[in-house]
Amino acid sequence: MQHPPFDNRISKTCYAIVFTPSRRRSRFPENCVEIKESAKAALEAAAPEQHRHPAHVIGPSRSSEGVRLYYLIDWLDGS
């Protein structure tokens, strides 16, 4: 697994809905991540049929290309 180059001053672990057609990736651009207040809120907002998956993520972190990324810690629905 790829280790995120995050800055502890701005990157935080959080729960989110991640929009992704494929769950093989481990990092996601900021515009594909919707932060939620809790794991329960993320699970309730999930819509797998619309490619909206609940996840535990860390970020945002700025990539070398200047894109803000979130890194996957774990999928919350066990997949």
PDB file of N, CA and C in Angstrom:
ATOM      1  N   MET A   1       0.840  -1.185   0.000  1.00  0.00           N
ATOM      2  CA  MET A   1       0.000   0.000   0.000  1.00  0.00           C
ATOM      3  C   MET A   1       0.881   1.244   0.000  1.00  0.00           C
ATOM      4  N   GLN A   2       0.460   2.227  -0.715  1.00  0.00           N
ATOM      5  CA  GLN A   2       1.206   3.475  -0.830  1.00  0.00           C
ATOM      6  C   GLN A   2       1.032   4.307   0.440  1.00  0.00           C
ATOM      7  N   HIS A   3       2.127   4.825   0.984  1.00  0.00           N
ATOM      8  CA  HIS A   3       2.056   5.648   2.180  1.00  0.00           C
ATOM      9  C   HIS A   3       1.835   7.102   1.786  1.00  0.00           C
ATOM     10  N   PRO A   4       0.820   7.753   2.363  1.00  0.00           N
ATOM     11  CA  PRO A   4       0.524   9.136   1.990  1.00  0.00           C
ATOM     12  C   PRO A   4       1.566  10.119   2.501  1.00  0.00           C
ATOM     13  N   PRO A   5       1.971  11.055   1.664  1.00  0.00           N
ATOM     14  CA  PRO A   5       2.910  12.101   2.098  1.00  0.00           C
ATOM     15  C   PRO A   5       2.138  13.251   2.721  1.00  0.00           C
ATOM     16  N   PHE A   6       1.551  13.030   3.887  1.00  0.00           N
ATOM     17  CA  PHE A   6       0.681  14.050   4.445  1.00  0.00           C
ATOM     18  C   PHE A   6       1.379  14.906   5.486  1.00  0.00           C
ATOM     19  N   ASP A   7       0.830  16.074   5.677  1.00  0.00           N
ATOM     20  CA  ASP A   7       1.318  17.041   6.651  1.00  0.00           C
ATOM     21  C   ASP A   7       0.341  17.027   7.821  1.00  0.00           C
ATOM     22  N   ASN A   8       0.795  16.625   9.009  1.00  0.00           N
ATOM     23  CA  ASN A   8      -0.091  16.519  10.167  1.00  0.00           C
ATOM     24  C   ASN A   8      -0.766  17.830  10.549  1.00  0.00           C
ATOM     25  N   ARG A   9      -0.249  18.941  10.082  1.00  0.00           N
ATOM     26  CA  ARG A   9      -0.863  20.226  10.422  1.00  0.00           C
ATOM     27  C   ARG A   9      -2.168  20.443   9.672  1.00  0.00           C
ATOM     28  N   ILE A  10      -2.306  19.842   8.494  1.00  0.00           N
ATOM     29  CA  ILE A  10      -3.534  20.054   7.733  1.00  0.00           C
ATOM     30  C   ILE A  10      -4.276  18.765   7.410  1.00  0.00           C
ATOM     31  N   SER A  11      -3.594  17.634   7.373  1.00  0.00           N
ATOM     32  CA  SER A  11      -4.242  16.362   7.064  1.00  0.00           C
ATOM     33  C   SER A  11      -4.837  15.757   8.319  1.00  0.00           C
ATOM     34  N   LYS A  12      -6.038  15.192   8.161  1.00  0.00           N
ATOM     35  CA  LYS A  12      -6.727  14.571   9.289  1.00  0.00           C
ATOM     36  C   LYS A  12      -7.410  13.306   8.817  1.00  0.00           C
ATOM     37  N   THR A  13      -7.593  12.379   9.747  1.00  0.00           N
ATOM     38  CA  THR A  13      -8.405  11.224   9.410  1.00  0.00           C
ATOM     39  C   THR A  13      -9.861  11.623   9.568  1.00  0.00           C
ATOM     40  N   CYS A  14     -10.699  11.117   8.680  1.00  0.00           N
ATOM     41  CA  CYS A  14     -12.119  11.441   8.730  1.00  0.00           C
ATOM     42  C   CYS A  14     -12.911  10.373   7.996  1.00  0.00           C
ATOM     43  N   TYR A  15     -14.212  10.440   8.168  1.00  0.00           N
ATOM     44  CA  TYR A  15     -15.125   9.539   7.475  1.00  0.00           C
ATOM     45  C   TYR A  15     -15.710  10.290   6.300  1.00  0.00           C
ATOM     46  N   ALA A  16     -15.964   9.548   5.227  1.00  0.00           N
ATOM     47  CA  ALA A  16     -16.397  10.221   4.008  1.00  0.00           C
ATOM     48  C   ALA A  16     -17.165   9.278   3.096  1.00  0.00           C
ATOM     49  N   ILE A  17     -17.799   9.892   2.113  1.00  0.00           N
ATOM     50  CA  ILE A  17     -18.348   9.177   0.973  1.00  0.00           C
ATOM     51  C   ILE A  17     -17.376   9.440  -0.168  1.00  0.00           C
ATOM     52  N   VAL A  18     -16.944   8.376  -0.818  1.00  0.00           N
ATOM     53  CA  VAL A  18     -16.009   8.497  -1.937  1.00  0.00           C
ATOM     54  C   VAL A  18     -16.742   8.090  -3.210  1.00  0.00           C
ATOM     55  N   PHE A  19     -16.744   8.984  -4.193  1.00  0.00           N
ATOM     56  CA  PHE A  19     -17.327   8.663  -5.488  1.00  0.00           C
ATOM     57  C   PHE A  19     -16.247   8.031  -6.347  1.00  0.00           C
ATOM     58  N   THR A  20     -16.426   6.744  -6.645  1.00  0.00           N
ATOM     59  CA  THR A  20     -15.468   6.036  -7.492  1.00  0.00           C
ATOM     60  C   THR A  20     -16.136   4.821  -8.124  1.00  0.00           C
ATOM     61  N   PRO A  21     -16.037   4.674  -9.433  1.00  0.00           N
ATOM     62  CA  PRO A  21     -16.595   3.493 -10.084  1.00  0.00           C
ATOM     63  C   PRO A  21     -15.829   2.213  -9.732  1.00  0.00           C
ATOM     64  N   SER A  22     -14.539   2.331  -9.444  1.00  0.00           N
ATOM     65  CA  SER A  22     -13.710   1.179  -9.104  1.00  0.00           C
ATOM     66  C   SER A  22     -13.109   1.383  -7.719  1.00  0.00           C
ATOM     67  N   ARG A  23     -13.200   0.365  -6.880  1.00  0.00           N
ATOM     68  CA  ARG A  23     -12.673   0.479  -5.522  1.00  0.00           C
ATOM     69  C   ARG A  23     -11.243  -0.036  -5.419  1.00  0.00           C
ATOM     70  N   ARG A  24     -10.552  -0.150  -6.531  1.00  0.00           N
ATOM     71  CA  ARG A  24      -9.164  -0.628  -6.528  1.00  0.00           C
ATOM     72  C   ARG A  24      -8.172   0.460  -6.146  1.00  0.00           C
ATOM     73  N   ARG A  25      -8.554   1.708  -6.262  1.00  0.00           N
ATOM     74  CA  ARG A  25      -7.624   2.812  -6.004  1.00  0.00           C
ATOM     75  C   ARG A  25      -7.488   3.065  -4.508  1.00  0.00           C
ATOM     76  N   SER A  26      -6.382   3.693  -4.126  1.00  0.00           N
ATOM     77  CA  SER A  26      -6.163   4.003  -2.711  1.00  0.00           C
ATOM     78  C   SER A  26      -6.035   5.503  -2.462  1.00  0.00           C
ATOM     79  N   ARG A  27      -6.140   6.299  -3.518  1.00  0.00           N
ATOM     80  CA  ARG A  27      -6.118   7.754  -3.331  1.00  0.00           C
ATOM     81  C   ARG A  27      -7.129   8.389  -4.285  1.00  0.00           C
ATOM     82  N   PHE A  28      -7.714   9.493  -3.808  1.00  0.00           N
ATOM     83  CA  PHE A  28      -8.827  10.103  -4.530  1.00  0.00           C
ATOM     84  C   PHE A  28      -8.699  11.617  -4.516  1.00  0.00           C
ATOM     85  N   PRO A  29      -8.981  12.271  -5.636  1.00  0.00           N
ATOM     86  CA  PRO A  29      -8.954  13.731  -5.655  1.00  0.00           C
ATOM     87  C   PRO A  29     -10.045  14.299  -4.750  1.00  0.00           C
ATOM     88  N   GLU A  30      -9.788  15.467  -4.227  1.00  0.00           N
ATOM     89  CA  GLU A  30     -10.689  16.119  -3.275  1.00  0.00           C
ATOM     90  C   GLU A  30     -12.125  16.228  -3.795  1.00  0.00           C
ATOM     91  N   ASN A  31     -12.298  16.448  -5.096  1.00  0.00           N
ATOM     92  CA  ASN A  31     -13.653  16.625  -5.621  1.00  0.00           C
ATOM     93  C   ASN A  31     -14.451  15.321  -5.670  1.00  0.00           C
ATOM     94  N   CYS A  32     -13.831  14.188  -5.343  1.00  0.00           N
ATOM     95  CA  CYS A  32     -14.529  12.898  -5.294  1.00  0.00           C
ATOM     96  C   CYS A  32     -14.835  12.467  -3.861  1.00  0.00           C
ATOM     97  N   VAL A  33     -14.508  13.318  -2.886  1.00  0.00           N
ATOM     98  CA  VAL A  33     -14.645  12.971  -1.471  1.00  0.00           C
ATOM     99  C   VAL A  33     -15.596  13.949  -0.789  1.00  0.00           C
ATOM    100  N   GLU A  34     -16.598  13.391  -0.112  1.00  0.00           N
ATOM    101  CA  GLU A  34     -17.568  14.193   0.645  1.00  0.00           C
ATOM    102  C   GLU A  34     -17.429  13.816   2.121  1.00  0.00           C
ATOM    103  N   ILE A  35     -16.898  14.725   2.922  1.00  0.00           N
ATOM    104  CA  ILE A  35     -16.632  14.460   4.341  1.00  0.00           C
ATOM    105  C   ILE A  35     -17.947  14.359   5.114  1.00  0.00           C
ATOM    106  N   LYS A  36     -18.017  13.379   6.022  1.00  0.00           N
ATOM    107  CA  LYS A  36     -19.177  13.164   6.885  1.00  0.00           C
ATOM    108  C   LYS A  36     -18.751  13.290   8.341  1.00  0.00           C
ATOM    109  N   GLU A  37     -19.717  13.528   9.237  1.00  0.00           N
ATOM    110  CA  GLU A  37     -19.427  13.742  10.656  1.00  0.00           C
ATOM    111  C   GLU A  37     -18.974  12.479  11.378  1.00  0.00           C
ATOM    112  N   SER A  38     -19.438  11.319  10.916  1.00  0.00           N
ATOM    113  CA  SER A  38     -19.135  10.074  11.619  1.00  0.00           C
ATOM    114  C   SER A  38     -19.181   8.893  10.655  1.00  0.00           C
ATOM    115  N   ALA A  39     -18.724   7.747  11.148  1.00  0.00           N
ATOM    116  CA  ALA A  39     -18.801   6.528  10.346  1.00  0.00           C
ATOM    117  C   ALA A  39     -20.260   6.185  10.068  1.00  0.00           C
ATOM    118  N   LYS A  40     -21.109   6.376  11.068  1.00  0.00           N
ATOM    119  CA  LYS A  40     -22.536   6.091  10.900  1.00  0.00           C
ATOM    120  C   LYS A  40     -23.136   6.962   9.797  1.00  0.00           C
ATOM    121  N   ALA A  41     -22.802   8.245   9.785  1.00  0.00           N
ATOM    122  CA  ALA A  41     -23.314   9.156   8.754  1.00  0.00           C
ATOM    123  C   ALA A  41     -22.821   8.746   7.368  1.00  0.00           C
ATOM    124  N   ALA A  42     -21.581   8.303   7.285  1.00  0.00           N
ATOM    125  CA  ALA A  42     -21.039   7.860   5.993  1.00  0.00           C
ATOM    126  C   ALA A  42     -21.749   6.597   5.516  1.00  0.00           C
ATOM    127  N   LEU A  43     -21.979   5.660   6.432  1.00  0.00           N
ATOM    128  CA  LEU A  43     -22.678   4.428   6.064  1.00  0.00           C
ATOM    129  C   LEU A  43     -24.105   4.716   5.612  1.00  0.00           C
ATOM    130  N   GLU A  44     -24.780   5.651   6.289  1.00  0.00           N
ATOM    131  CA  GLU A  44     -26.158   6.003   5.928  1.00  0.00           C
ATOM    132  C   GLU A  44     -26.234   6.710   4.580  1.00  0.00           C
ATOM    133  N   ALA A  45     -25.217   7.457   4.220  1.00  0.00           N
ATOM    134  CA  ALA A  45     -25.217   8.221   2.963  1.00  0.00           C
ATOM    135  C   ALA A  45     -24.711   7.406   1.772  1.00  0.00           C
ATOM    136  N   ALA A  46     -24.230   6.214   2.035  1.00  0.00           N
ATOM    137  CA  ALA A  46     -23.682   5.383   0.955  1.00  0.00           C
ATOM    138  C   ALA A  46     -24.757   5.015  -0.061  1.00  0.00           C
ATOM    139  N   ALA A  47     -24.344   4.949  -1.312  1.00  0.00           N
ATOM    140  CA  ALA A  47     -25.217   4.529  -2.412  1.00  0.00           C
ATOM    141  C   ALA A  47     -24.349   3.791  -3.431  1.00  0.00           C
ATOM    142  N   PRO A  48     -24.014   2.533  -3.144  1.00  0.00           N
ATOM    143  CA  PRO A  48     -23.110   1.790  -4.029  1.00  0.00           C
ATOM    144  C   PRO A  48     -23.572   1.739  -5.481  1.00  0.00           C
ATOM    145  N   GLU A  49     -24.880   1.691  -5.706  1.00  0.00           N
ATOM    146  CA  GLU A  49     -25.392   1.657  -7.076  1.00  0.00           C
ATOM    147  C   GLU A  49     -25.084   2.942  -7.838  1.00  0.00           C
ATOM    148  N   GLN A  50     -24.772   4.018  -7.090  1.00  0.00           N
ATOM    149  CA  GLN A  50     -24.372   5.296  -7.691  1.00  0.00           C
ATOM    150  C   GLN A  50     -22.869   5.536  -7.517  1.00  0.00           C
ATOM    151  N   HIS A  51     -22.141   4.485  -7.157  1.00  0.00           N
ATOM    152  CA  HIS A  51     -20.678   4.534  -6.970  1.00  0.00           C
ATOM    153  C   HIS A  51     -20.269   5.458  -5.820  1.00  0.00           C
ATOM    154  N   ARG A  52     -21.116   5.579  -4.789  1.00  0.00           N
ATOM    155  CA  ARG A  52     -20.828   6.398  -3.603  1.00  0.00           C
ATOM    156  C   ARG A  52     -20.598   5.440  -2.431  1.00  0.00           C
ATOM    157  N   HIS A  53     -19.316   5.290  -2.045  1.00  0.00           N
ATOM    158  CA  HIS A  53     -18.925   4.282  -1.068  1.00  0.00           C
ATOM    159  C   HIS A  53     -18.431   4.928   0.231  1.00  0.00           C
ATOM    160  N   PRO A  54     -18.819   4.355   1.402  1.00  0.00           N
ATOM    161  CA  PRO A  54     -18.365   4.896   2.688  1.00  0.00           C
ATOM    162  C   PRO A  54     -16.922   4.473   2.975  1.00  0.00           C
ATOM    163  N   ALA A  55     -16.136   5.422   3.472  1.00  0.00           N
ATOM    164  CA  ALA A  55     -14.716   5.127   3.701  1.00  0.00           C
ATOM    165  C   ALA A  55     -14.159   5.920   4.875  1.00  0.00           C
ATOM    166  N   HIS A  56     -13.058   5.407   5.413  1.00  0.00           N
ATOM    167  CA  HIS A  56     -12.242   6.112   6.401  1.00  0.00           C
ATOM    168  C   HIS A  56     -11.021   6.585   5.618  1.00  0.00           C
ATOM    169  N   VAL A  57     -10.787   7.892   5.595  1.00  0.00           N
ATOM    170  CA  VAL A  57      -9.726   8.464   4.764  1.00  0.00           C
ATOM    171  C   VAL A  57      -8.846   9.408   5.578  1.00  0.00           C
ATOM    172  N   ILE A  58      -7.701   9.756   5.002  1.00  0.00           N
ATOM    173  CA  ILE A  58      -6.832  10.776   5.582  1.00  0.00           C
ATOM    174  C   ILE A  58      -6.507  11.788   4.486  1.00  0.00           C
ATOM    175  N   GLY A  59      -6.532  13.050   4.867  1.00  0.00           N
ATOM    176  CA  GLY A  59      -6.222  14.096   3.892  1.00  0.00           C
ATOM    177  C   GLY A  59      -6.802  15.422   4.327  1.00  0.00           C
ATOM    178  N   PRO A  60      -6.776  16.391   3.490  1.00  0.00           N
ATOM    179  CA  PRO A  60      -6.182  16.354   2.159  1.00  0.00           C
ATOM    180  C   PRO A  60      -4.669  16.552   2.215  1.00  0.00           C
ATOM    181  N   SER A  61      -4.021  16.040   1.196  1.00  0.00           N
ATOM    182  CA  SER A  61      -2.582  16.187   1.033  1.00  0.00           C
ATOM    183  C   SER A  61      -2.333  16.670  -0.383  1.00  0.00           C
ATOM    184  N   ARG A  62      -1.412  17.579  -0.548  1.00  0.00           N
ATOM    185  CA  ARG A  62      -1.141  18.115  -1.885  1.00  0.00           C
ATOM    186  C   ARG A  62      -0.130  17.217  -2.603  1.00  0.00           C
ATOM    187  N   SER A  63      -0.508  16.775  -3.805  1.00  0.00           N
ATOM    188  CA  SER A  63       0.393  15.936  -4.601  1.00  0.00           C
ATOM    189  C   SER A  63       1.464  16.801  -5.254  1.00  0.00           C
ATOM    190  N   SER A  64       2.433  16.157  -5.876  1.00  0.00           N
ATOM    191  CA  SER A  64       3.495  16.903  -6.562  1.00  0.00           C
ATOM    192  C   SER A  64       2.952  17.701  -7.739  1.00  0.00           C
ATOM    193  N   GLU A  65       1.782  17.307  -8.246  1.00  0.00           N
ATOM    194  CA  GLU A  65       1.149  18.045  -9.346  1.00  0.00           C
ATOM    195  C   GLU A  65       0.251  19.169  -8.837  1.00  0.00           C
ATOM    196  N   GLY A  66       0.138  19.307  -7.519  1.00  0.00           N
ATOM    197  CA  GLY A  66      -0.681  20.368  -6.940  1.00  0.00           C
ATOM    198  C   GLY A  66      -2.125  19.982  -6.690  1.00  0.00           C
ATOM    199  N   VAL A  67      -2.469  18.715  -6.886  1.00  0.00           N
ATOM    200  CA  VAL A  67      -3.830  18.232  -6.656  1.00  0.00           C
ATOM    201  C   VAL A  67      -3.975  17.839  -5.192  1.00  0.00           C
ATOM    202  N   ARG A  68      -5.095  18.211  -4.579  1.00  0.00           N
ATOM    203  CA  ARG A  68      -5.355  17.816  -3.190  1.00  0.00           C
ATOM    204  C   ARG A  68      -5.983  16.426  -3.193  1.00  0.00           C
ATOM    205  N   LEU A  69      -5.353  15.496  -2.455  1.00  0.00           N
ATOM    206  CA  LEU A  69      -5.758  14.093  -2.452  1.00  0.00           C
ATOM    207  C   LEU A  69      -6.148  13.622  -1.061  1.00  0.00           C
ATOM    208  N   TYR A  70      -7.049  12.646  -1.033  1.00  0.00           N
ATOM    209  CA  TYR A  70      -7.376  11.903   0.178  1.00  0.00           C
ATOM    210  C   TYR A  70      -6.907  10.470  -0.041  1.00  0.00           C
ATOM    211  N   TYR A  71      -6.357   9.858   1.008  1.00  0.00           N
ATOM    212  CA  TYR A  71      -5.852   8.490   0.936  1.00  0.00           C
ATOM    213  C   TYR A  71      -6.769   7.564   1.731  1.00  0.00           C
ATOM    214  N   LEU A  72      -7.077   6.430   1.155  1.00  0.00           N
ATOM    215  CA  LEU A  72      -7.952   5.449   1.778  1.00  0.00           C
ATOM    216  C   LEU A  72      -7.260   4.772   2.957  1.00  0.00           C
ATOM    217  N   ILE A  73      -7.940   4.731   4.086  1.00  0.00           N
ATOM    218  CA  ILE A  73      -7.492   3.930   5.227  1.00  0.00           C
ATOM    219  C   ILE A  73      -8.221   2.590   5.175  1.00  0.00           C
ATOM    220  N   ASP A  74      -9.562   2.661   5.003  1.00  0.00           N
ATOM    221  CA  ASP A  74     -10.359   1.442   4.942  1.00  0.00           C
ATOM    222  C   ASP A  74     -11.749   1.752   4.398  1.00  0.00           C
ATOM    223  N   TRP A  75     -12.339   0.782   3.703  1.00  0.00           N
ATOM    224  CA  TRP A  75     -13.745   0.891   3.304  1.00  0.00           C
ATOM    225  C   TRP A  75     -14.588   0.526   4.514  1.00  0.00           C
ATOM    226  N   LEU A  76     -15.625   1.287   4.802  1.00  0.00           N
ATOM    227  CA  LEU A  76     -16.428   1.058   6.001  1.00  0.00           C
ATOM    228  C   LEU A  76     -17.432  -0.073   5.862  1.00  0.00           C
ATOM    229  N   ASP A  77     -17.769  -0.449   4.648  1.00  0.00           N
ATOM    230  CA  ASP A  77     -18.774  -1.497   4.458  1.00  0.00           C
ATOM    231  C   ASP A  77     -18.152  -2.881   4.309  1.00  0.00           C
ATOM    232  N   GLY A  78     -16.875  -2.996   4.629  1.00  0.00           N
ATOM    233  CA  GLY A  78     -16.211  -4.290   4.645  1.00  0.00           C
ATOM    234  C   GLY A  78     -15.820  -4.858   3.296  1.00  0.00           C
ATOM    235  N   SER A  79     -15.981  -4.104   2.248  1.00  0.00           N
ATOM    236  CA  SER A  79     -15.634  -4.610   0.909  1.00  0.00           C
ATOM    237  C   SER A  79     -14.199  -4.311   0.568  1.00  0.00           C
TER     238      SER A  79
END
